[in-house]
Amino acid sequence: MSLEHISSTPVALVTGAAKRIGRQIALTLAQRGWDIVVHYGKSAQEAVDVVAEIEQLGRRAFAVQANLGDPEQVKAIIPKALAVFGRLDCVVNNASLFEEDSIDNFSQACLDKHMHANVMAPLMLAQALYAAVPDDAPAGIASVINILDQKLFNLNPDYISYTLSKAALETATTMLAQALAPKVRVVGIAPGLSMMSGDQSANDFQAAHKVTPLGRSSTPEDIAEAVCYVATAKAITGTTILVDGGQHLVPTQRDVMFLATAKANS
C-alpha cells in the first residue's frame, strides 16, 4: 500500500494491536477517524484480521511485524509507517511482556527481557516519532501514549521484573514529556485488571474485577476511550491517567491476579 500524497487523516501506531486491549484501541481509534499501523509480534493472522476490520470501517491500515526486544526491528517500524502513510501522529505503546517472577526466582535474564520490550522499545519509538514530526508542527499535535499499570500506585512484590519495567516507563513518561516538548506530548494511561491473564479462571477474574470502589475495574473499551481522549487533548502531557475503577485505592499485599484465588483457598 502506498500513497501519492500525504493524507490529512491522522495516523496512529498501536503496538500489540493484533489482540486483546491493543486490538480494541486500534479499532476505537479507527472509528474516530484515524488510520492505523497495526504492530504485532507473533499473531500474524490476527493482525491481518484487525487490518480488515479497520478497512471495513472506512479507514486505512497495514500490519507491521517486529520483535520489540530487538532494537534493529524496533528501529524499522516507524520508517515503514512513514513509507505507507507519509505521516505519523501518535504512538500507543500498548504491547507489554508480562511474565510472572518474584524475588525467589528473579533472574537477570527475566529483567533484561522485560526492560527491553517494555522500556527500550517505547523510548525508541518515541524518539523516532519526534524525529518524524515536522519542526513547525503545532505544539502538542503529536503524542506518545504509554500503557502502564495501576499497580504502580499500589505496589506489591508480585511480577517483580514486569513491575520494575513499568515503573521505569512511568518515570520515562515524565522525562520524555520534558525532552520532546513542544512537538510531542507524552502521557501514561494506567489500567486496572481488564482481561483474564495466564491461568486465571473466569470466576477469579470476575471476583478480582470487582475489588474496586466502583465495583468494576477497567475494560478494554474504557482504556481505548482514554487513549482516544489523550490522543487529541493538546494540553495534557507528562502525567498518568488511572483508568481502573479506583482499583489503586484499595491496598493489597498481593497482585490482584492472586486475590480471588487466595480467598477461595482460605
Protein backbone atom coordinates (compact mmCIF):
# COMPACT_ATOMS: atom_id res chain seq x y z
CA MET A 1 0.00 0.00 0.00
CA SER A 2 1.43 3.39 -0.95
CA LEU A 3 0.13 6.94 -1.19
CA GLU A 4 0.79 9.52 -3.87
CA HIS A 5 0.45 12.31 -1.36
CA ILE A 6 0.30 12.73 2.38
CA SER A 7 -3.23 12.40 3.67
CA SER A 8 -4.74 14.85 6.13
CA THR A 9 -6.03 11.93 8.18
CA PRO A 10 -4.12 11.41 11.45
CA VAL A 11 -2.18 8.17 11.78
CA ALA A 12 -1.59 6.12 14.93
CA LEU A 13 0.79 3.25 15.54
CA VAL A 14 -0.54 0.79 18.12
CA THR A 15 1.91 -1.82 19.34
CA GLY A 16 0.47 -5.21 20.13
CA ALA A 17 -2.63 -4.30 18.14
CA ALA A 18 -3.48 -7.79 16.88
CA LYS A 19 -5.16 -8.99 20.06
CA ARG A 20 -6.77 -8.08 23.35
CA ILE A 21 -6.54 -4.46 24.53
CA GLY A 22 -4.36 -3.35 21.62
CA ARG A 23 -6.96 -4.58 19.16
CA GLN A 24 -9.67 -2.60 20.93
CA ILE A 25 -7.51 0.53 20.95
CA ALA A 26 -6.80 0.20 17.23
CA LEU A 27 -10.45 -0.33 16.31
CA THR A 28 -11.70 2.51 18.50
CA LEU A 29 -9.16 4.95 17.07
CA ALA A 30 -10.23 3.88 13.57
CA GLN A 31 -13.85 4.53 14.49
CA ARG A 32 -12.81 8.04 15.49
CA GLY A 33 -11.21 8.72 12.12
CA TRP A 34 -7.61 7.56 12.50
CA ASP A 35 -5.62 5.45 10.06
CA ILE A 36 -3.78 2.70 11.92
CA VAL A 37 -0.41 0.96 11.84
CA VAL A 38 -1.12 -2.45 13.39
CA HIS A 39 2.04 -3.74 15.04
CA TYR A 40 2.24 -7.39 16.01
CA GLY A 41 4.86 -9.80 17.27
CA LYS A 42 3.73 -13.34 16.51
CA SER A 43 -0.01 -13.01 15.85
CA ALA A 44 0.13 -12.58 12.07
CA GLN A 45 -3.36 -13.84 11.23
CA GLU A 46 -4.96 -11.81 13.99
CA ALA A 47 -3.15 -8.71 12.69
CA VAL A 48 -4.48 -9.35 9.19
CA ASP A 49 -7.97 -9.67 10.65
CA VAL A 50 -7.67 -6.36 12.51
CA VAL A 51 -6.49 -4.62 9.34
CA ALA A 52 -9.55 -5.97 7.52
CA GLU A 53 -11.87 -4.76 10.30
CA ILE A 54 -10.33 -1.30 10.17
CA GLU A 55 -10.72 -1.14 6.42
CA GLN A 56 -14.37 -2.13 6.79
CA LEU A 57 -14.73 0.97 8.96
CA GLY A 58 -13.56 3.06 6.01
CA ARG A 59 -10.10 3.75 7.35
CA ARG A 60 -6.70 2.62 6.09
CA ALA A 61 -4.45 0.21 7.92
CA PHE A 62 -1.49 -2.05 7.44
CA ALA A 63 0.30 -4.55 9.64
CA VAL A 64 3.98 -4.47 10.60
CA GLN A 65 5.79 -7.27 12.41
CA ALA A 66 8.59 -6.65 14.90
CA ASN A 67 10.06 -8.25 17.98
CA LEU A 68 10.08 -5.38 20.49
CA GLY A 69 13.04 -6.92 22.29
CA ASP A 70 15.22 -6.46 19.20
CA PRO A 71 16.47 -2.86 18.73
CA GLU A 72 17.02 -3.26 14.98
CA GLN A 73 13.47 -4.48 14.43
CA VAL A 74 12.11 -1.64 16.57
CA LYS A 75 14.05 0.92 14.51
CA ALA A 76 12.37 -0.34 11.33
CA ILE A 77 8.77 0.15 12.49
CA ILE A 78 8.27 3.89 12.05
CA PRO A 79 10.12 4.15 8.70
CA LYS A 80 7.70 1.52 7.41
CA ALA A 81 4.76 3.53 8.70
CA LEU A 82 6.05 6.70 7.07
CA ALA A 83 6.64 4.90 3.78
CA VAL A 84 2.97 3.90 3.69
CA PHE A 85 1.17 6.89 5.19
CA GLY A 86 3.69 9.72 4.88
CA ARG A 87 2.98 10.85 8.43
CA LEU A 88 2.61 9.61 11.99
CA ASP A 89 0.80 11.48 14.71
CA CYS A 90 0.55 9.10 17.65
CA VAL A 91 2.37 6.10 19.08
CA VAL A 92 0.46 3.94 21.54
CA ASN A 93 2.94 1.79 23.44
CA ASN A 94 0.48 -0.91 24.37
CA ALA A 95 2.44 -4.14 23.90
CA SER A 96 3.97 -5.50 27.09
CA LEU A 97 5.90 -8.53 28.14
CA PHE A 98 4.13 -9.88 31.23
CA GLU A 99 5.81 -12.87 32.82
CA GLU A 100 5.49 -13.86 36.44
CA ASP A 101 8.50 -13.77 38.72
CA SER A 102 9.22 -12.89 42.35
CA ILE A 103 12.32 -12.24 44.39
CA ASP A 104 12.54 -16.01 44.91
CA ASN A 105 13.09 -16.78 41.23
CA PHE A 106 14.21 -13.37 39.93
CA SER A 107 16.93 -13.50 37.28
CA GLN A 108 18.90 -11.09 35.16
CA ALA A 109 17.55 -12.74 32.03
CA CYS A 110 13.94 -12.12 33.05
CA LEU A 111 14.59 -8.50 33.97
CA ASP A 112 16.51 -7.90 30.73
CA LYS A 113 13.61 -9.25 28.65
CA HIS A 114 11.10 -7.00 30.37
CA MET A 115 13.28 -3.90 30.21
CA HIS A 116 13.97 -4.36 26.50
CA ALA A 117 10.35 -4.93 25.49
CA ASN A 118 8.61 -2.64 27.99
CA VAL A 119 11.07 0.28 28.25
CA MET A 120 13.63 0.27 25.45
CA ALA A 121 11.10 -0.19 22.65
CA PRO A 122 8.72 2.57 23.83
CA LEU A 123 11.63 5.01 24.21
CA MET A 124 12.97 4.20 20.75
CA LEU A 125 9.53 4.64 19.20
CA ALA A 126 9.08 7.98 20.99
CA GLN A 127 12.48 9.09 19.71
CA ALA A 128 11.56 8.10 16.16
CA LEU A 129 8.18 9.82 16.31
CA TYR A 130 9.83 13.03 17.48
CA ALA A 131 12.24 12.89 14.53
CA ALA A 132 9.33 12.32 12.13
CA VAL A 133 7.21 15.26 13.30
CA PRO A 134 7.99 18.47 11.38
CA ASP A 135 9.68 21.18 13.41
CA ASP A 136 6.91 23.64 12.51
CA ALA A 137 4.09 21.32 13.59
CA PRO A 138 1.60 22.86 16.05
CA ALA A 139 2.54 22.31 19.68
CA GLY A 140 1.10 19.13 21.13
CA ILE A 141 -0.34 17.82 17.88
CA ALA A 142 1.64 14.57 18.15
CA SER A 143 1.61 12.24 21.13
CA VAL A 144 3.10 9.16 22.71
CA ILE A 145 0.73 7.21 24.96
CA ASN A 146 2.33 4.68 27.29
CA ILE A 147 0.06 1.97 28.68
CA LEU A 148 1.18 1.43 32.27
CA ASP A 149 -0.49 -0.34 35.22
CA GLN A 150 -2.44 0.76 38.28
CA LYS A 151 -0.20 -1.41 40.45
CA LEU A 152 2.49 1.28 40.18
CA PHE A 153 0.28 3.27 42.55
CA ASN A 154 -0.48 0.29 44.81
CA LEU A 155 2.75 -1.67 44.89
CA ASN A 156 3.16 -5.30 45.84
CA PRO A 157 6.10 -7.67 45.31
CA ASP A 158 4.50 -9.88 42.65
CA TYR A 159 5.62 -9.78 38.99
CA ILE A 160 8.79 -8.03 40.06
CA SER A 161 10.51 -7.70 36.66
CA TYR A 162 7.30 -6.59 34.92
CA THR A 163 6.57 -4.05 37.66
CA LEU A 164 10.09 -2.64 37.60
CA SER A 165 9.87 -2.20 33.83
CA LYS A 166 6.54 -0.39 34.08
CA ALA A 167 7.89 1.81 36.86
CA ALA A 168 10.77 2.76 34.59
CA LEU A 169 8.34 3.54 31.76
CA GLU A 170 6.23 5.70 34.07
CA THR A 171 9.33 7.72 35.01
CA ALA A 172 10.28 7.88 31.33
CA THR A 173 6.85 9.33 30.59
CA THR A 174 7.73 12.40 32.65
CA MET A 175 11.25 12.66 31.25
CA LEU A 176 10.12 12.26 27.64
CA ALA A 177 7.39 14.86 28.10
CA GLN A 178 10.10 17.31 29.12
CA ALA A 179 12.54 16.29 26.40
CA LEU A 180 10.13 16.12 23.46
CA ALA A 181 8.06 19.26 24.09
CA PRO A 182 6.66 21.18 22.39
CA LYS A 183 6.43 18.88 19.33
CA VAL A 184 5.33 15.71 21.10
CA ARG A 185 3.19 15.16 24.19
CA VAL A 186 3.81 12.06 26.33
CA VAL A 187 1.10 10.66 28.59
CA GLY A 188 0.65 7.48 30.60
CA ILE A 189 -2.58 5.52 30.96
CA ALA A 190 -2.68 3.06 33.86
CA PRO A 191 -5.45 0.45 33.57
CA GLY A 192 -6.62 -1.89 36.27
CA LEU A 193 -7.43 -5.56 35.79
CA SER A 194 -9.07 -5.60 32.38
CA MET A 195 -8.81 -9.07 30.86
CA MET A 196 -8.08 -12.58 32.06
CA SER A 197 -4.38 -13.45 32.02
CA GLY A 198 -2.35 -16.60 32.41
CA ASP A 199 -4.20 -19.42 34.17
CA GLN A 200 -6.71 -17.11 35.88
CA SER A 201 -10.21 -18.59 35.85
CA ALA A 202 -13.31 -16.68 34.78
CA ASN A 203 -14.66 -16.77 38.35
CA ASP A 204 -11.38 -15.47 39.79
CA PHE A 205 -11.27 -12.73 37.18
CA GLN A 206 -14.81 -11.57 37.94
CA ALA A 207 -14.14 -11.56 41.69
CA ALA A 208 -10.90 -9.61 41.30
CA HIS A 209 -12.50 -7.23 38.78
CA LYS A 210 -14.98 -6.14 41.45
CA VAL A 211 -12.38 -5.34 44.15
CA THR A 212 -12.66 -1.61 43.45
CA PRO A 213 -14.56 1.38 44.87
CA LEU A 214 -16.74 1.42 41.74
CA GLY A 215 -17.42 -2.31 41.84
CA ARG A 216 -15.72 -2.73 38.49
CA SER A 217 -12.21 -2.26 37.22
CA SER A 218 -11.39 -1.24 33.64
CA THR A 219 -12.50 -2.82 30.38
CA PRO A 220 -10.68 -2.74 27.03
CA GLU A 221 -13.30 -0.25 25.88
CA ASP A 222 -12.56 2.03 28.86
CA ILE A 223 -8.86 2.01 28.02
CA ALA A 224 -9.50 2.67 24.34
CA GLU A 225 -11.74 5.62 25.18
CA ALA A 226 -9.00 7.08 27.36
CA VAL A 227 -6.46 6.66 24.55
CA CYS A 228 -8.75 8.47 22.10
CA TYR A 229 -9.18 11.33 24.54
CA VAL A 230 -5.48 11.70 25.29
CA ALA A 231 -4.56 11.49 21.59
CA THR A 232 -6.49 14.70 20.92
CA ALA A 233 -6.09 16.51 24.27
CA LYS A 234 -3.43 19.02 23.25
CA ALA A 235 -2.84 20.42 26.76
CA ILE A 236 -2.10 17.12 28.51
CA THR A 237 1.48 15.92 28.84
CA GLY A 238 3.83 14.47 31.45
CA THR A 239 1.15 12.85 33.58
CA THR A 240 -0.57 9.49 34.04
CA ILE A 241 -4.31 8.92 33.96
CA LEU A 242 -5.55 5.97 36.01
CA VAL A 243 -8.39 4.09 34.33
CA ASP A 244 -9.11 1.38 36.89
CA GLY A 245 -12.41 1.93 38.68
CA GLY A 246 -10.38 3.15 41.64
CA GLN A 247 -8.56 -0.17 41.98
CA HIS A 248 -5.38 1.62 43.08
CA LEU A 249 -7.26 2.99 46.11
CA VAL A 250 -7.71 -0.47 47.61
CA PRO A 251 -4.45 -1.50 49.34
CA THR A 252 -3.42 -5.08 48.59
CA GLN A 253 -0.47 -7.15 49.72
CA ARG A 254 -0.58 -9.35 46.62
CA ASP A 255 -1.21 -8.71 42.95
CA VAL A 256 -4.92 -8.62 42.13
CA MET A 257 -4.37 -11.70 39.96
CA PHE A 258 -3.98 -13.75 43.14
CA LEU A 259 -6.60 -12.18 45.40
CA ALA A 260 -9.67 -14.20 44.45
CA THR A 261 -7.71 -17.45 44.38
CA ALA A 262 -6.28 -16.75 47.83
CA LYS A 263 -9.75 -16.06 49.23
CA ALA A 264 -11.16 -19.23 47.69
CA ASN A 265 -8.39 -21.31 49.23
CA SER A 266 -8.53 -19.72 52.69
